Amino acid sequence: QVQLVESGGGLVQAGGSLRLSCAASGRTFSNYYMGWFRQAPGNEREFVAAISWSGRTTYYVDSVKGRFTISRDNTKNTVYLQMNSLKPEDTAVYYCAANSARITARTINDYWGQGTQVTVSS
């Protein structure tokens, strides 16, 4: 089992920044691909970003490219999502995911966190 706990969400004005963190425990963190997803009210959960086991490879949904950066620290068992130039349409609950295989928009991931709310006001 892997336990994932997100933090760092909150309320921010448009154009502002937030950094989300996801702390993992239970299994060897570096064995897992990590990703961030989000779900806005009335919408399906969507892929935001993913990072490979070593951190060398990253993937982003087009809508956040150039604004969000995913990173990981395998010594701290933590994955981050730095979000800059936030827009009201980024408002959602953000979820951390871990998977033994590569994470894509269609992956059924092994583990999920409980989510953290991000609200961007206009």
PDB file of N, CA and C in Angstrom:
ATOM      1  N   GLN A   1       0.829  -1.194   0.000  1.00  0.00           N
ATOM      2  CA  GLN A   1       0.000   0.000   0.000  1.00  0.00           C
ATOM      3  C   GLN A   1       0.869   1.252   0.000  1.00  0.00           C
ATOM      4  N   VAL A   2       0.380   2.261  -0.684  1.00  0.00           N
ATOM      5  CA  VAL A   2       1.015   3.577  -0.694  1.00  0.00           C
ATOM      6  C   VAL A   2      -0.020   4.583  -0.224  1.00  0.00           C
ATOM      7  N   GLN A   3       0.360   5.390   0.736  1.00  0.00           N
ATOM      8  CA  GLN A   3      -0.509   6.461   1.204  1.00  0.00           C
ATOM      9  C   GLN A   3      -0.001   7.782   0.633  1.00  0.00           C
ATOM     10  N   LEU A   4      -0.938   8.551   0.090  1.00  0.00           N
ATOM     11  CA  LEU A   4      -0.609   9.843  -0.514  1.00  0.00           C
ATOM     12  C   LEU A   4      -1.397  10.948   0.188  1.00  0.00           C
ATOM     13  N   VAL A   5      -0.697  11.987   0.598  1.00  0.00           N
ATOM     14  CA  VAL A   5      -1.348  13.101   1.280  1.00  0.00           C
ATOM     15  C   VAL A   5      -0.955  14.403   0.586  1.00  0.00           C
ATOM     16  N   GLU A   6      -1.952  15.076   0.018  1.00  0.00           N
ATOM     17  CA  GLU A   6      -1.710  16.342  -0.658  1.00  0.00           C
ATOM     18  C   GLU A   6      -1.820  17.512   0.317  1.00  0.00           C
ATOM     19  N   SER A   7      -1.120  18.585  -0.009  1.00  0.00           N
ATOM     20  CA  SER A   7      -1.219  19.823   0.753  1.00  0.00           C
ATOM     21  C   SER A   7      -0.852  20.982  -0.154  1.00  0.00           C
ATOM     22  N   GLY A   8      -1.163  22.193   0.311  1.00  0.00           N
ATOM     23  CA  GLY A   8      -0.753  23.379  -0.421  1.00  0.00           C
ATOM     24  C   GLY A   8      -1.851  24.075  -1.190  1.00  0.00           C
ATOM     25  N   GLY A   9      -3.042  23.498  -1.194  1.00  0.00           N
ATOM     26  CA  GLY A   9      -4.138  24.163  -1.887  1.00  0.00           C
ATOM     27  C   GLY A   9      -4.595  25.394  -1.131  1.00  0.00           C
ATOM     28  N   GLY A  10      -5.479  26.159  -1.777  1.00  0.00           N
ATOM     29  CA  GLY A  10      -5.991  27.362  -1.141  1.00  0.00           C
ATOM     30  C   GLY A  10      -6.661  28.269  -2.123  1.00  0.00           C
ATOM     31  N   LEU A  11      -6.892  29.492  -1.675  1.00  0.00           N
ATOM     32  CA  LEU A  11      -7.538  30.516  -2.499  1.00  0.00           C
ATOM     33  C   LEU A  11      -6.473  31.501  -2.964  1.00  0.00           C
ATOM     34  N   VAL A  12      -6.469  31.790  -4.255  1.00  0.00           N
ATOM     35  CA  VAL A  12      -5.484  32.709  -4.814  1.00  0.00           C
ATOM     36  C   VAL A  12      -6.151  33.530  -5.920  1.00  0.00           C
ATOM     37  N   GLN A  13      -5.657  34.721  -6.113  1.00  0.00           N
ATOM     38  CA  GLN A  13      -6.192  35.557  -7.193  1.00  0.00           C
ATOM     39  C   GLN A  13      -5.604  35.125  -8.532  1.00  0.00           C
ATOM     40  N   ALA A  14      -6.342  35.412  -9.584  1.00  0.00           N
ATOM     41  CA  ALA A  14      -5.852  35.124 -10.931  1.00  0.00           C
ATOM     42  C   ALA A  14      -4.494  35.782 -11.144  1.00  0.00           C
ATOM     43  N   GLY A  15      -3.582  35.021 -11.747  1.00  0.00           N
ATOM     44  CA  GLY A  15      -2.225  35.489 -11.953  1.00  0.00           C
ATOM     45  C   GLY A  15      -1.269  35.084 -10.849  1.00  0.00           C
ATOM     46  N   GLY A  16      -1.810  34.586  -9.757  1.00  0.00           N
ATOM     47  CA  GLY A  16      -1.000  34.186  -8.622  1.00  0.00           C
ATOM     48  C   GLY A  16      -0.412  32.795  -8.778  1.00  0.00           C
ATOM     49  N   SER A  17       0.242  32.346  -7.714  1.00  0.00           N
ATOM     50  CA  SER A  17       0.933  31.064  -7.729  1.00  0.00           C
ATOM     51  C   SER A  17       0.594  30.252  -6.478  1.00  0.00           C
ATOM     52  N   LEU A  18       0.666  28.950  -6.634  1.00  0.00           N
ATOM     53  CA  LEU A  18       0.566  28.005  -5.511  1.00  0.00           C
ATOM     54  C   LEU A  18       1.512  26.848  -5.798  1.00  0.00           C
ATOM     55  N   ARG A  19       1.982  26.219  -4.742  1.00  0.00           N
ATOM     56  CA  ARG A  19       2.754  24.990  -4.893  1.00  0.00           C
ATOM     57  C   ARG A  19       2.078  23.883  -4.107  1.00  0.00           C
ATOM     58  N   LEU A  20       1.676  22.855  -4.820  1.00  0.00           N
ATOM     59  CA  LEU A  20       1.083  21.683  -4.181  1.00  0.00           C
ATOM     60  C   LEU A  20       2.178  20.669  -3.874  1.00  0.00           C
ATOM     61  N   SER A  21       1.987  19.963  -2.770  1.00  0.00           N
ATOM     62  CA  SER A  21       2.889  18.895  -2.389  1.00  0.00           C
ATOM     63  C   SER A  21       2.088  17.623  -2.178  1.00  0.00           C
ATOM     64  N   CYS A  22       2.717  16.505  -2.444  1.00  0.00           N
ATOM     65  CA  CYS A  22       2.097  15.201  -2.195  1.00  0.00           C
ATOM     66  C   CYS A  22       3.150  14.321  -1.536  1.00  0.00           C
ATOM     67  N   ALA A  23       2.922  14.011  -0.275  1.00  0.00           N
ATOM     68  CA  ALA A  23       3.845  13.183   0.478  1.00  0.00           C
ATOM     69  C   ALA A  23       3.394  11.732   0.422  1.00  0.00           C
ATOM     70  N   ALA A  24       4.314  10.852   0.090  1.00  0.00           N
ATOM     71  CA  ALA A  24       4.002   9.429  -0.050  1.00  0.00           C
ATOM     72  C   ALA A  24       4.659   8.627   1.067  1.00  0.00           C
ATOM     73  N   SER A  25       3.985   7.575   1.451  1.00  0.00           N
ATOM     74  CA  SER A  25       4.546   6.667   2.454  1.00  0.00           C
ATOM     75  C   SER A  25       4.063   5.258   2.169  1.00  0.00           C
ATOM     76  N   GLY A  26       4.780   4.283   2.645  1.00  0.00           N
ATOM     77  CA  GLY A  26       4.339   2.903   2.582  1.00  0.00           C
ATOM     78  C   GLY A  26       5.162   1.998   1.688  1.00  0.00           C
ATOM     79  N   ARG A  27       5.592   2.468   0.560  1.00  0.00           N
ATOM     80  CA  ARG A  27       6.394   1.646  -0.357  1.00  0.00           C
ATOM     81  C   ARG A  27       7.525   2.517  -0.899  1.00  0.00           C
ATOM     82  N   THR A  28       8.418   1.930  -1.652  1.00  0.00           N
ATOM     83  CA  THR A  28       9.546   2.666  -2.207  1.00  0.00           C
ATOM     84  C   THR A  28       9.052   3.682  -3.223  1.00  0.00           C
ATOM     85  N   PHE A  29       9.199   4.946  -2.868  1.00  0.00           N
ATOM     86  CA  PHE A  29       8.643   6.027  -3.671  1.00  0.00           C
ATOM     87  C   PHE A  29       9.199   6.032  -5.083  1.00  0.00           C
ATOM     88  N   SER A  30      10.462   5.788  -5.230  1.00  0.00           N
ATOM     89  CA  SER A  30      11.097   5.873  -6.550  1.00  0.00           C
ATOM     90  C   SER A  30      10.650   4.766  -7.495  1.00  0.00           C
ATOM     91  N   ASN A  31       9.890   3.801  -7.001  1.00  0.00           N
ATOM     92  CA  ASN A  31       9.346   2.744  -7.864  1.00  0.00           C
ATOM     93  C   ASN A  31       8.077   3.168  -8.581  1.00  0.00           C
ATOM     94  N   TYR A  32       7.584   4.370  -8.257  1.00  0.00           N
ATOM     95  CA  TYR A  32       6.295   4.805  -8.765  1.00  0.00           C
ATOM     96  C   TYR A  32       6.391   6.035  -9.647  1.00  0.00           C
ATOM     97  N   TYR A  33       5.718   5.960 -10.764  1.00  0.00           N
ATOM     98  CA  TYR A  33       5.420   7.133 -11.576  1.00  0.00           C
ATOM     99  C   TYR A  33       4.426   7.956 -10.779  1.00  0.00           C
ATOM    100  N   MET A  34       4.566   9.270 -10.808  1.00  0.00           N
ATOM    101  CA  MET A  34       3.672  10.137 -10.046  1.00  0.00           C
ATOM    102  C   MET A  34       2.957  11.109 -10.975  1.00  0.00           C
ATOM    103  N   GLY A  35       1.736  11.446 -10.592  1.00  0.00           N
ATOM    104  CA  GLY A  35       0.978  12.367 -11.427  1.00  0.00           C
ATOM    105  C   GLY A  35       0.034  13.229 -10.620  1.00  0.00           C
ATOM    106  N   TRP A  36      -0.424  14.285 -11.285  1.00  0.00           N
ATOM    107  CA  TRP A  36      -1.443  15.159 -10.720  1.00  0.00           C
ATOM    108  C   TRP A  36      -2.642  15.178 -11.665  1.00  0.00           C
ATOM    109  N   PHE A  37      -3.806  15.094 -11.082  1.00  0.00           N
ATOM    110  CA  PHE A  37      -5.070  15.184 -11.796  1.00  0.00           C
ATOM    111  C   PHE A  37      -5.907  16.245 -11.098  1.00  0.00           C
ATOM    112  N   ARG A  38      -6.955  16.692 -11.776  1.00  0.00           N
ATOM    113  CA  ARG A  38      -7.865  17.647 -11.147  1.00  0.00           C
ATOM    114  C   ARG A  38      -9.292  17.390 -11.583  1.00  0.00           C
ATOM    115  N   GLN A  39     -10.209  17.816 -10.719  1.00  0.00           N
ATOM    116  CA  GLN A  39     -11.626  17.653 -11.026  1.00  0.00           C
ATOM    117  C   GLN A  39     -12.369  18.902 -10.575  1.00  0.00           C
ATOM    118  N   ALA A  40     -12.974  19.570 -11.540  1.00  0.00           N
ATOM    119  CA  ALA A  40     -13.790  20.739 -11.258  1.00  0.00           C
ATOM    120  C   ALA A  40     -15.242  20.295 -11.100  1.00  0.00           C
ATOM    121  N   PRO A  41     -16.075  21.067 -10.405  1.00  0.00           N
ATOM    122  CA  PRO A  41     -17.478  20.692 -10.207  1.00  0.00           C
ATOM    123  C   PRO A  41     -18.177  20.445 -11.531  1.00  0.00           C
ATOM    124  N   GLY A  42     -18.841  19.303 -11.614  1.00  0.00           N
ATOM    125  CA  GLY A  42     -19.585  18.963 -12.817  1.00  0.00           C
ATOM    126  C   GLY A  42     -18.748  18.373 -13.928  1.00  0.00           C
ATOM    127  N   ASN A  43     -17.434  18.292 -13.705  1.00  0.00           N
ATOM    128  CA  ASN A  43     -16.549  17.762 -14.752  1.00  0.00           C
ATOM    129  C   ASN A  43     -15.942  16.432 -14.334  1.00  0.00           C
ATOM    130  N   GLU A  44     -15.450  15.708 -15.326  1.00  0.00           N
ATOM    131  CA  GLU A  44     -14.716  14.490 -15.019  1.00  0.00           C
ATOM    132  C   GLU A  44     -13.308  14.846 -14.555  1.00  0.00           C
ATOM    133  N   ARG A  45     -12.711  13.911 -13.840  1.00  0.00           N
ATOM    134  CA  ARG A  45     -11.325  14.105 -13.425  1.00  0.00           C
ATOM    135  C   ARG A  45     -10.434  14.118 -14.667  1.00  0.00           C
ATOM    136  N   GLU A  46      -9.504  15.080 -14.722  1.00  0.00           N
ATOM    137  CA  GLU A  46      -8.640  15.178 -15.891  1.00  0.00           C
ATOM    138  C   GLU A  46      -7.171  15.145 -15.496  1.00  0.00           C
ATOM    139  N   PHE A  47      -6.373  14.630 -16.403  1.00  0.00           N
ATOM    140  CA  PHE A  47      -4.929  14.574 -16.224  1.00  0.00           C
ATOM    141  C   PHE A  47      -4.344  15.976 -16.289  1.00  0.00           C
ATOM    142  N   VAL A  48      -3.380  16.261 -15.411  1.00  0.00           N
ATOM    143  CA  VAL A  48      -2.697  17.555 -15.421  1.00  0.00           C
ATOM    144  C   VAL A  48      -1.227  17.386 -15.771  1.00  0.00           C
ATOM    145  N   ALA A  49      -0.537  16.518 -15.039  1.00  0.00           N
ATOM    146  CA  ALA A  49       0.903  16.365 -15.257  1.00  0.00           C
ATOM    147  C   ALA A  49       1.366  15.037 -14.686  1.00  0.00           C
ATOM    148  N   ALA A  50       2.489  14.545 -15.196  1.00  0.00           N
ATOM    149  CA  ALA A  50       3.076  13.313 -14.682  1.00  0.00           C
ATOM    150  C   ALA A  50       4.588  13.399 -14.754  1.00  0.00           C
ATOM    151  N   ILE A  51       5.238  12.606 -13.920  1.00  0.00           N
ATOM    152  CA  ILE A  51       6.686  12.611 -13.870  1.00  0.00           C
ATOM    153  C   ILE A  51       7.186  11.185 -13.692  1.00  0.00           C
ATOM    154  N   SER A  52       8.257  10.869 -14.399  1.00  0.00           N
ATOM    155  CA  SER A  52       8.794   9.508 -14.385  1.00  0.00           C
ATOM    156  C   SER A  52       9.467   9.181 -13.055  1.00  0.00           C
ATOM    157  N   TRP A  53       9.844   7.918 -12.922  1.00  0.00           N
ATOM    158  CA  TRP A  53      10.405   7.436 -11.671  1.00  0.00           C
ATOM    159  C   TRP A  53      11.639   8.241 -11.250  1.00  0.00           C
ATOM    160  N   SER A  54      12.482   8.566 -12.230  1.00  0.00           N
ATOM    161  CA  SER A  54      13.712   9.293 -11.922  1.00  0.00           C
ATOM    162  C   SER A  54      13.517  10.804 -11.884  1.00  0.00           C
ATOM    163  N   GLY A  55      12.418  11.250 -12.463  1.00  0.00           N
ATOM    164  CA  GLY A  55      12.174  12.687 -12.574  1.00  0.00           C
ATOM    165  C   GLY A  55      12.683  13.298 -13.860  1.00  0.00           C
ATOM    166  N   ARG A  56      13.297  12.497 -14.725  1.00  0.00           N
ATOM    167  CA  ARG A  56      13.888  13.042 -15.951  1.00  0.00           C
ATOM    168  C   ARG A  56      12.841  13.372 -17.014  1.00  0.00           C
ATOM    169  N   THR A  57      11.691  12.696 -16.966  1.00  0.00           N
ATOM    170  CA  THR A  57      10.675  12.879 -18.000  1.00  0.00           C
ATOM    171  C   THR A  57       9.397  13.409 -17.374  1.00  0.00           C
ATOM    172  N   THR A  58       8.838  14.431 -18.001  1.00  0.00           N
ATOM    173  CA  THR A  58       7.592  15.012 -17.516  1.00  0.00           C
ATOM    174  C   THR A  58       6.605  15.174 -18.662  1.00  0.00           C
ATOM    175  N   TYR A  59       5.335  15.179 -18.328  1.00  0.00           N
ATOM    176  CA  TYR A  59       4.259  15.330 -19.304  1.00  0.00           C
ATOM    177  C   TYR A  59       3.227  16.295 -18.724  1.00  0.00           C
ATOM    178  N   TYR A  60       2.609  17.077 -19.605  1.00  0.00           N
ATOM    179  CA  TYR A  60       1.603  18.039 -19.175  1.00  0.00           C
ATOM    180  C   TYR A  60       0.429  18.054 -20.143  1.00  0.00           C
ATOM    181  N   VAL A  61      -0.736  18.355 -19.608  1.00  0.00           N
ATOM    182  CA  VAL A  61      -1.865  18.649 -20.474  1.00  0.00           C
ATOM    183  C   VAL A  61      -1.596  20.016 -21.122  1.00  0.00           C
ATOM    184  N   ASP A  62      -2.074  20.199 -22.338  1.00  0.00           N
ATOM    185  CA  ASP A  62      -1.751  21.423 -23.080  1.00  0.00           C
ATOM    186  C   ASP A  62      -2.144  22.692 -22.329  1.00  0.00           C
ATOM    187  N   SER A  63      -3.244  22.645 -21.604  1.00  0.00           N
ATOM    188  CA  SER A  63      -3.768  23.859 -20.963  1.00  0.00           C
ATOM    189  C   SER A  63      -2.877  24.401 -19.845  1.00  0.00           C
ATOM    190  N   VAL A  64      -1.924  23.598 -19.359  1.00  0.00           N
ATOM    191  CA  VAL A  64      -1.067  24.069 -18.265  1.00  0.00           C
ATOM    192  C   VAL A  64       0.399  24.197 -18.674  1.00  0.00           C
ATOM    193  N   LYS A  65       0.710  23.805 -19.895  1.00  0.00           N
ATOM    194  CA  LYS A  65       2.104  23.885 -20.352  1.00  0.00           C
ATOM    195  C   LYS A  65       2.612  25.322 -20.279  1.00  0.00           C
ATOM    196  N   GLY A  66       3.808  25.477 -19.743  1.00  0.00           N
ATOM    197  CA  GLY A  66       4.389  26.800 -19.581  1.00  0.00           C
ATOM    198  C   GLY A  66       3.982  27.501 -18.312  1.00  0.00           C
ATOM    199  N   ARG A  67       2.991  26.980 -17.611  1.00  0.00           N
ATOM    200  CA  ARG A  67       2.526  27.591 -16.356  1.00  0.00           C
ATOM    201  C   ARG A  67       2.770  26.694 -15.147  1.00  0.00           C
ATOM    202  N   PHE A  68       2.613  25.390 -15.321  1.00  0.00           N
ATOM    203  CA  PHE A  68       2.776  24.432 -14.225  1.00  0.00           C
ATOM    204  C   PHE A  68       4.064  23.646 -14.414  1.00  0.00           C
ATOM    205  N   THR A  69       4.674  23.267 -13.291  1.00  0.00           N
ATOM    206  CA  THR A  69       5.865  22.440 -13.319  1.00  0.00           C
ATOM    207  C   THR A  69       5.743  21.338 -12.276  1.00  0.00           C
ATOM    208  N   ILE A  70       5.886  20.101 -12.732  1.00  0.00           N
ATOM    209  CA  ILE A  70       5.879  18.966 -11.819  1.00  0.00           C
ATOM    210  C   ILE A  70       7.325  18.579 -11.521  1.00  0.00           C
ATOM    211  N   SER A  71       7.577  18.222 -10.270  1.00  0.00           N
ATOM    212  CA  SER A  71       8.907  17.789  -9.873  1.00  0.00           C
ATOM    213  C   SER A  71       8.771  16.791  -8.732  1.00  0.00           C
ATOM    214  N   ARG A  72       9.853  16.102  -8.429  1.00  0.00           N
ATOM    215  CA  ARG A  72       9.827  15.144  -7.328  1.00  0.00           C
ATOM    216  C   ARG A  72      11.158  15.139  -6.613  1.00  0.00           C
ATOM    217  N   ASP A  73      11.106  14.798  -5.334  1.00  0.00           N
ATOM    218  CA  ASP A  73      12.298  14.635  -4.523  1.00  0.00           C
ATOM    219  C   ASP A  73      12.217  13.238  -3.921  1.00  0.00           C
ATOM    220  N   ASN A  74      12.958  12.309  -4.508  1.00  0.00           N
ATOM    221  CA  ASN A  74      12.876  10.920  -4.053  1.00  0.00           C
ATOM    222  C   ASN A  74      13.494  10.729  -2.668  1.00  0.00           C
ATOM    223  N   THR A  75      14.293  11.683  -2.209  1.00  0.00           N
ATOM    224  CA  THR A  75      14.846  11.584  -0.851  1.00  0.00           C
ATOM    225  C   THR A  75      13.814  11.997   0.199  1.00  0.00           C
ATOM    226  N   LYS A  76      12.801  12.745  -0.239  1.00  0.00           N
ATOM    227  CA  LYS A  76      11.746  13.195   0.672  1.00  0.00           C
ATOM    228  C   LYS A  76      10.413  12.517   0.394  1.00  0.00           C
ATOM    229  N   ASN A  77      10.398  11.599  -0.574  1.00  0.00           N
ATOM    230  CA  ASN A  77       9.164  10.888  -0.932  1.00  0.00           C
ATOM    231  C   ASN A  77       8.028  11.856  -1.244  1.00  0.00           C
ATOM    232  N   THR A  78       8.348  12.897  -1.982  1.00  0.00           N
ATOM    233  CA  THR A  78       7.374  13.952  -2.234  1.00  0.00           C
ATOM    234  C   THR A  78       7.404  14.366  -3.701  1.00  0.00           C
ATOM    235  N   VAL A  79       6.218  14.616  -4.238  1.00  0.00           N
ATOM    236  CA  VAL A  79       6.074  15.176  -5.575  1.00  0.00           C
ATOM    237  C   VAL A  79       5.406  16.536  -5.437  1.00  0.00           C
ATOM    238  N   TYR A  80       5.789  17.454  -6.302  1.00  0.00           N
ATOM    239  CA  TYR A  80       5.304  18.828  -6.229  1.00  0.00           C
ATOM    240  C   TYR A  80       4.634  19.234  -7.533  1.00  0.00           C
ATOM    241  N   LEU A  81       3.763  20.211  -7.429  1.00  0.00           N
ATOM    242  CA  LEU A  81       3.199  20.854  -8.612  1.00  0.00           C
ATOM    243  C   LEU A  81       3.250  22.356  -8.371  1.00  0.00           C
ATOM    244  N   GLN A  82       4.186  23.009  -9.039  1.00  0.00           N
ATOM    245  CA  GLN A  82       4.286  24.457  -8.975  1.00  0.00           C
ATOM    246  C   GLN A  82       3.348  25.041 -10.013  1.00  0.00           C
ATOM    247  N   MET A  83       2.415  25.863  -9.574  1.00  0.00           N
ATOM    248  CA  MET A  83       1.402  26.424 -10.458  1.00  0.00           C
ATOM    249  C   MET A  83       1.550  27.937 -10.480  1.00  0.00           C
ATOM    250  N   ASN A  84       1.890  28.462 -11.635  1.00  0.00           N
ATOM    251  CA  ASN A  84       2.055  29.909 -11.821  1.00  0.00           C
ATOM    252  C   ASN A  84       1.008  30.429 -12.801  1.00  0.00           C
ATOM    253  N   SER A  85       0.842  31.732 -12.799  1.00  0.00           N
ATOM    254  CA  SER A  85      -0.110  32.377 -13.720  1.00  0.00           C
ATOM    255  C   SER A  85      -1.468  31.683 -13.673  1.00  0.00           C
ATOM    256  N   LEU A  86      -1.944  31.468 -12.484  1.00  0.00           N
ATOM    257  CA  LEU A  86      -3.195  30.724 -12.326  1.00  0.00           C
ATOM    258  C   LEU A  86      -4.376  31.469 -12.912  1.00  0.00           C
ATOM    259  N   LYS A  87      -5.318  30.704 -13.427  1.00  0.00           N
ATOM    260  CA  LYS A  87      -6.531  31.228 -14.050  1.00  0.00           C
ATOM    261  C   LYS A  87      -7.748  30.684 -13.315  1.00  0.00           C
ATOM    262  N   PRO A  88      -8.865  31.387 -13.389  1.00  0.00           N
ATOM    263  CA  PRO A  88     -10.082  30.871 -12.738  1.00  0.00           C
ATOM    264  C   PRO A  88     -10.440  29.456 -13.208  1.00  0.00           C
ATOM    265  N   GLU A  89     -10.149  29.128 -14.447  1.00  0.00           N
ATOM    266  CA  GLU A  89     -10.471  27.792 -14.949  1.00  0.00           C
ATOM    267  C   GLU A  89      -9.570  26.700 -14.378  1.00  0.00           C
ATOM    268  N   ASP A  90      -8.551  27.083 -13.624  1.00  0.00           N
ATOM    269  CA  ASP A  90      -7.736  26.099 -12.915  1.00  0.00           C
ATOM    270  C   ASP A  90      -8.385  25.660 -11.601  1.00  0.00           C
ATOM    271  N   THR A  91      -9.473  26.303 -11.226  1.00  0.00           N
ATOM    272  CA  THR A  91     -10.169  25.952  -9.990  1.00  0.00           C
ATOM    273  C   THR A  91     -10.656  24.512 -10.046  1.00  0.00           C
ATOM    274  N   ALA A  92     -10.259  23.724  -9.051  1.00  0.00           N
ATOM    275  CA  ALA A  92     -10.605  22.301  -9.017  1.00  0.00           C
ATOM    276  C   ALA A  92     -10.058  21.693  -7.733  1.00  0.00           C
ATOM    277  N   VAL A  93     -10.452  20.465  -7.493  1.00  0.00           N
ATOM    278  CA  VAL A  93      -9.774  19.651  -6.489  1.00  0.00           C
ATOM    279  C   VAL A  93      -8.637  18.935  -7.203  1.00  0.00           C
ATOM    280  N   TYR A  94      -7.438  19.066  -6.666  1.00  0.00           N
ATOM    281  CA  TYR A  94      -6.258  18.468  -7.269  1.00  0.00           C
ATOM    282  C   TYR A  94      -5.880  17.199  -6.514  1.00  0.00           C
ATOM    283  N   TYR A  95      -5.673  16.137  -7.274  1.00  0.00           N
ATOM    284  CA  TYR A  95      -5.370  14.833  -6.717  1.00  0.00           C
ATOM    285  C   TYR A  95      -3.988  14.371  -7.159  1.00  0.00           C
ATOM    286  N   CYS A  96      -3.303  13.756  -6.249  1.00  0.00           N
ATOM    287  CA  CYS A  96      -2.018  13.126  -6.513  1.00  0.00           C
ATOM    288  C   CYS A  96      -2.278  11.642  -6.794  1.00  0.00           C
ATOM    289  N   ALA A  97      -1.514  11.073  -7.721  1.00  0.00           N
ATOM    290  CA  ALA A  97      -1.654   9.658  -8.052  1.00  0.00           C
ATOM    291  C   ALA A  97      -0.284   9.011  -8.170  1.00  0.00           C
ATOM    292  N   ALA A  98      -0.246   7.731  -7.842  1.00  0.00           N
ATOM    293  CA  ALA A  98       0.972   6.933  -7.983  1.00  0.00           C
ATOM    294  C   ALA A  98       0.647   5.673  -8.765  1.00  0.00           C
ATOM    295  N   ASN A  99       1.570   5.307  -9.642  1.00  0.00           N
ATOM    296  CA  ASN A  99       1.347   4.121 -10.461  1.00  0.00           C
ATOM    297  C   ASN A  99       2.682   3.448 -10.750  1.00  0.00           C
ATOM    298  N   SER A 100       2.663   2.138 -10.810  1.00  0.00           N
ATOM    299  CA  SER A 100       3.911   1.415 -11.084  1.00  0.00           C
ATOM    300  C   SER A 100       4.322   1.559 -12.544  1.00  0.00           C
ATOM    301  N   ALA A 101       3.361   1.858 -13.410  1.00  0.00           N
ATOM    302  CA  ALA A 101       3.645   2.085 -14.831  1.00  0.00           C
ATOM    303  C   ALA A 101       3.474   3.568 -15.142  1.00  0.00           C
ATOM    304  N   ARG A 102       3.841   3.905 -16.366  1.00  0.00           N
ATOM    305  CA  ARG A 102       3.729   5.302 -16.790  1.00  0.00           C
ATOM    306  C   ARG A 102       2.304   5.795 -16.642  1.00  0.00           C
ATOM    307  N   ILE A 103       2.149   7.022 -16.148  1.00  0.00           N
ATOM    308  CA  ILE A 103       0.835   7.638 -15.983  1.00  0.00           C
ATOM    309  C   ILE A 103       0.507   8.460 -17.227  1.00  0.00           C
ATOM    310  N   THR A 104      -0.673   8.212 -17.763  1.00  0.00           N
ATOM    311  CA  THR A 104      -1.199   9.021 -18.860  1.00  0.00           C
ATOM    312  C   THR A 104      -2.608   9.451 -18.492  1.00  0.00           C
ATOM    313  N   ALA A 105      -3.254  10.142 -19.416  1.00  0.00           N
ATOM    314  CA  ALA A 105      -4.619  10.583 -19.155  1.00  0.00           C
ATOM    315  C   ALA A 105      -5.568   9.401 -18.994  1.00  0.00           C
ATOM    316  N   ARG A 106      -5.217   8.240 -19.528  1.00  0.00           N
ATOM    317  CA  ARG A 106      -6.119   7.095 -19.518  1.00  0.00           C
ATOM    318  C   ARG A 106      -5.728   6.016 -18.520  1.00  0.00           C
ATOM    319  N   THR A 107      -4.658   6.259 -17.763  1.00  0.00           N
ATOM    320  CA  THR A 107      -4.173   5.229 -16.840  1.00  0.00           C
ATOM    321  C   THR A 107      -5.156   5.006 -15.699  1.00  0.00           C
ATOM    322  N   ILE A 108      -5.341   3.760 -15.345  1.00  0.00           N
ATOM    323  CA  ILE A 108      -6.022   3.437 -14.089  1.00  0.00           C
ATOM    324  C   ILE A 108      -4.919   3.314 -13.053  1.00  0.00           C
ATOM    325  N   ASN A 109      -4.819   4.338 -12.202  1.00  0.00           N
ATOM    326  CA  ASN A 109      -3.678   4.426 -11.299  1.00  0.00           C
ATOM    327  C   ASN A 109      -3.847   3.553 -10.064  1.00  0.00           C
ATOM    328  N   ASP A 110      -2.700   3.151  -9.528  1.00  0.00           N
ATOM    329  CA  ASP A 110      -2.718   2.238  -8.395  1.00  0.00           C
ATOM    330  C   ASP A 110      -3.225   2.905  -7.117  1.00  0.00           C
ATOM    331  N   TYR A 111      -2.789   4.153  -6.903  1.00  0.00           N
ATOM    332  CA  TYR A 111      -3.097   4.836  -5.645  1.00  0.00           C
ATOM    333  C   TYR A 111      -3.463   6.293  -5.908  1.00  0.00           C
ATOM    334  N   TRP A 112      -4.339   6.790  -5.031  1.00  0.00           N
ATOM    335  CA  TRP A 112      -4.794   8.179  -5.111  1.00  0.00           C
ATOM    336  C   TRP A 112      -4.747   8.825  -3.731  1.00  0.00           C
ATOM    337  N   GLY A 113      -4.491  10.133  -3.729  1.00  0.00           N
ATOM    338  CA  GLY A 113      -4.656  10.900  -2.511  1.00  0.00           C
ATOM    339  C   GLY A 113      -6.096  11.365  -2.356  1.00  0.00           C
ATOM    340  N   GLN A 114      -6.344  12.092  -1.275  1.00  0.00           N
ATOM    341  CA  GLN A 114      -7.698  12.558  -0.975  1.00  0.00           C
ATOM    342  C   GLN A 114      -8.037  13.870  -1.678  1.00  0.00           C
ATOM    343  N   GLY A 115      -7.047  14.574  -2.162  1.00  0.00           N
ATOM    344  CA  GLY A 115      -7.281  15.799  -2.901  1.00  0.00           C
ATOM    345  C   GLY A 115      -7.099  17.052  -2.062  1.00  0.00           C
ATOM    346  N   THR A 116      -6.787  18.134  -2.737  1.00  0.00           N
ATOM    347  CA  THR A 116      -6.674  19.441  -2.102  1.00  0.00           C
ATOM    348  C   THR A 116      -7.330  20.476  -3.011  1.00  0.00           C
ATOM    349  N   GLN A 117      -8.113  21.360  -2.403  1.00  0.00           N
ATOM    350  CA  GLN A 117      -8.888  22.330  -3.180  1.00  0.00           C
ATOM    351  C   GLN A 117      -8.017  23.510  -3.597  1.00  0.00           C
ATOM    352  N   VAL A 118      -8.106  23.852  -4.867  1.00  0.00           N
ATOM    353  CA  VAL A 118      -7.476  25.067  -5.395  1.00  0.00           C
ATOM    354  C   VAL A 118      -8.584  25.935  -5.973  1.00  0.00           C
ATOM    355  N   THR A 119      -8.669  27.160  -5.492  1.00  0.00           N
ATOM    356  CA  THR A 119      -9.670  28.099  -5.976  1.00  0.00           C
ATOM    357  C   THR A 119      -8.967  29.357  -6.454  1.00  0.00           C
ATOM    358  N   VAL A 120      -9.238  29.728  -7.710  1.00  0.00           N
ATOM    359  CA  VAL A 120      -8.623  30.908  -8.300  1.00  0.00           C
ATOM    360  C   VAL A 120      -9.724  31.925  -8.565  1.00  0.00           C
ATOM    361  N   SER A 121      -9.629  33.065  -7.915  1.00  0.00           N
ATOM    362  CA  SER A 121     -10.651  34.111  -8.075  1.00  0.00           C
ATOM    363  C   SER A 121     -10.236  35.068  -9.183  1.00  0.00           C
ATOM    364  N   SER A 122     -11.259  35.605  -9.857  1.00  0.00           N
ATOM    365  CA  SER A 122     -10.994  36.525 -10.980  1.00  0.00           C
ATOM    366  C   SER A 122     -10.904  37.969 -10.508  1.00  0.00           C
TER     367      SER A 122
END
